[in-house]
Amino acid sequence: MPLNPFARSLANLESVIGPFYLAITVARLVTLELEDRRRGASSGGGATRA
């Protein structure tokens, strides 16, 4: 635990922002994948994935 109040504040901020960043990144990737699958199904293309 940092002793300096400013360093402690930054550590606390990082501990809050880190999980949000991860959740937002995963949600964005899932959204892009679902959008890509929807386009592939609606266009009738033969884009299949293994």
C-alpha atoms as a PDB file:
ATOM      1  CA  MET A   1       0.000   0.000   0.000  1.00  0.00           C
ATOM      2  CA  PRO A   2       1.507   3.351  -1.006  1.00  0.00           C
ATOM      3  CA  LEU A   3       2.242   5.762   1.818  1.00  0.00           C
ATOM      4  CA  ASN A   4       1.975   8.949  -0.204  1.00  0.00           C
ATOM      5  CA  PRO A   5      -1.686  10.117  -0.386  1.00  0.00           C
ATOM      6  CA  PHE A   6      -1.409  10.937  -4.096  1.00  0.00           C
ATOM      7  CA  ALA A   7       0.084   7.523  -4.898  1.00  0.00           C
ATOM      8  CA  ARG A   8      -2.609   5.882  -2.772  1.00  0.00           C
ATOM      9  CA  SER A   9      -5.303   7.732  -4.721  1.00  0.00           C
ATOM     10  CA  LEU A  10      -3.815   6.589  -8.024  1.00  0.00           C
ATOM     11  CA  ALA A  11      -3.652   2.982  -6.784  1.00  0.00           C
ATOM     12  CA  ASN A  12      -7.301   3.142  -5.727  1.00  0.00           C
ATOM     13  CA  LEU A  13      -8.294   4.666  -9.054  1.00  0.00           C
ATOM     14  CA  GLU A  14      -6.433   1.933 -10.916  1.00  0.00           C
ATOM     15  CA  SER A  15      -8.144  -0.773  -8.871  1.00  0.00           C
ATOM     16  CA  VAL A  16     -11.545   0.638  -9.857  1.00  0.00           C
ATOM     17  CA  ILE A  17     -10.830   1.423 -13.514  1.00  0.00           C
ATOM     18  CA  GLY A  18      -9.034  -1.864 -14.281  1.00  0.00           C
ATOM     19  CA  PRO A  19     -12.060  -4.165 -14.030  1.00  0.00           C
ATOM     20  CA  PHE A  20     -14.227  -1.657 -15.913  1.00  0.00           C
ATOM     21  CA  TYR A  21     -11.678  -1.545 -18.740  1.00  0.00           C
ATOM     22  CA  LEU A  22     -11.651  -5.340 -18.935  1.00  0.00           C
ATOM     23  CA  ALA A  23     -15.457  -5.574 -18.891  1.00  0.00           C
ATOM     24  CA  ILE A  24     -15.845  -2.895 -21.572  1.00  0.00           C
ATOM     25  CA  THR A  25     -13.217  -4.534 -23.787  1.00  0.00           C
ATOM     26  CA  VAL A  26     -14.842  -7.973 -23.532  1.00  0.00           C
ATOM     27  CA  ALA A  27     -18.312  -6.499 -24.143  1.00  0.00           C
ATOM     28  CA  ARG A  28     -17.034  -4.703 -27.239  1.00  0.00           C
ATOM     29  CA  LEU A  29     -15.463  -7.886 -28.622  1.00  0.00           C
ATOM     30  CA  VAL A  30     -18.658  -9.858 -28.007  1.00  0.00           C
ATOM     31  CA  THR A  31     -20.723  -7.143 -29.707  1.00  0.00           C
ATOM     32  CA  LEU A  32     -18.431  -7.134 -32.738  1.00  0.00           C
ATOM     33  CA  GLU A  33     -18.604 -10.922 -32.995  1.00  0.00           C
ATOM     34  CA  LEU A  34     -22.397 -10.999 -32.754  1.00  0.00           C
ATOM     35  CA  GLU A  35     -22.679  -8.226 -35.330  1.00  0.00           C
ATOM     36  CA  ASP A  36     -20.360 -10.108 -37.672  1.00  0.00           C
ATOM     37  CA  ARG A  37     -22.390 -13.315 -37.299  1.00  0.00           C
ATOM     38  CA  ARG A  38     -25.652 -11.464 -37.910  1.00  0.00           C
ATOM     39  CA  ARG A  39     -24.285  -9.909 -41.100  1.00  0.00           C
ATOM     40  CA  GLY A  40     -23.030 -13.277 -42.290  1.00  0.00           C
ATOM     41  CA  ALA A  41     -26.413 -14.907 -41.735  1.00  0.00           C
ATOM     42  CA  SER A  42     -28.417 -12.112 -43.364  1.00  0.00           C
ATOM     43  CA  SER A  43     -26.203 -11.767 -46.444  1.00  0.00           C
ATOM     44  CA  GLY A  44     -26.509 -15.462 -47.318  1.00  0.00           C
ATOM     45  CA  GLY A  45     -22.765 -15.700 -47.699  1.00  0.00           C
ATOM     46  CA  GLY A  46     -20.960 -18.951 -47.107  1.00  0.00           C
ATOM     47  CA  ALA A  47     -18.854 -17.550 -44.317  1.00  0.00           C
ATOM     48  CA  THR A  48     -18.540 -20.405 -41.858  1.00  0.00           C
ATOM     49  CA  ARG A  49     -16.250 -20.551 -38.900  1.00  0.00           C
ATOM     50  CA  ALA A  50     -14.705 -23.523 -37.201  1.00  0.00           C
END
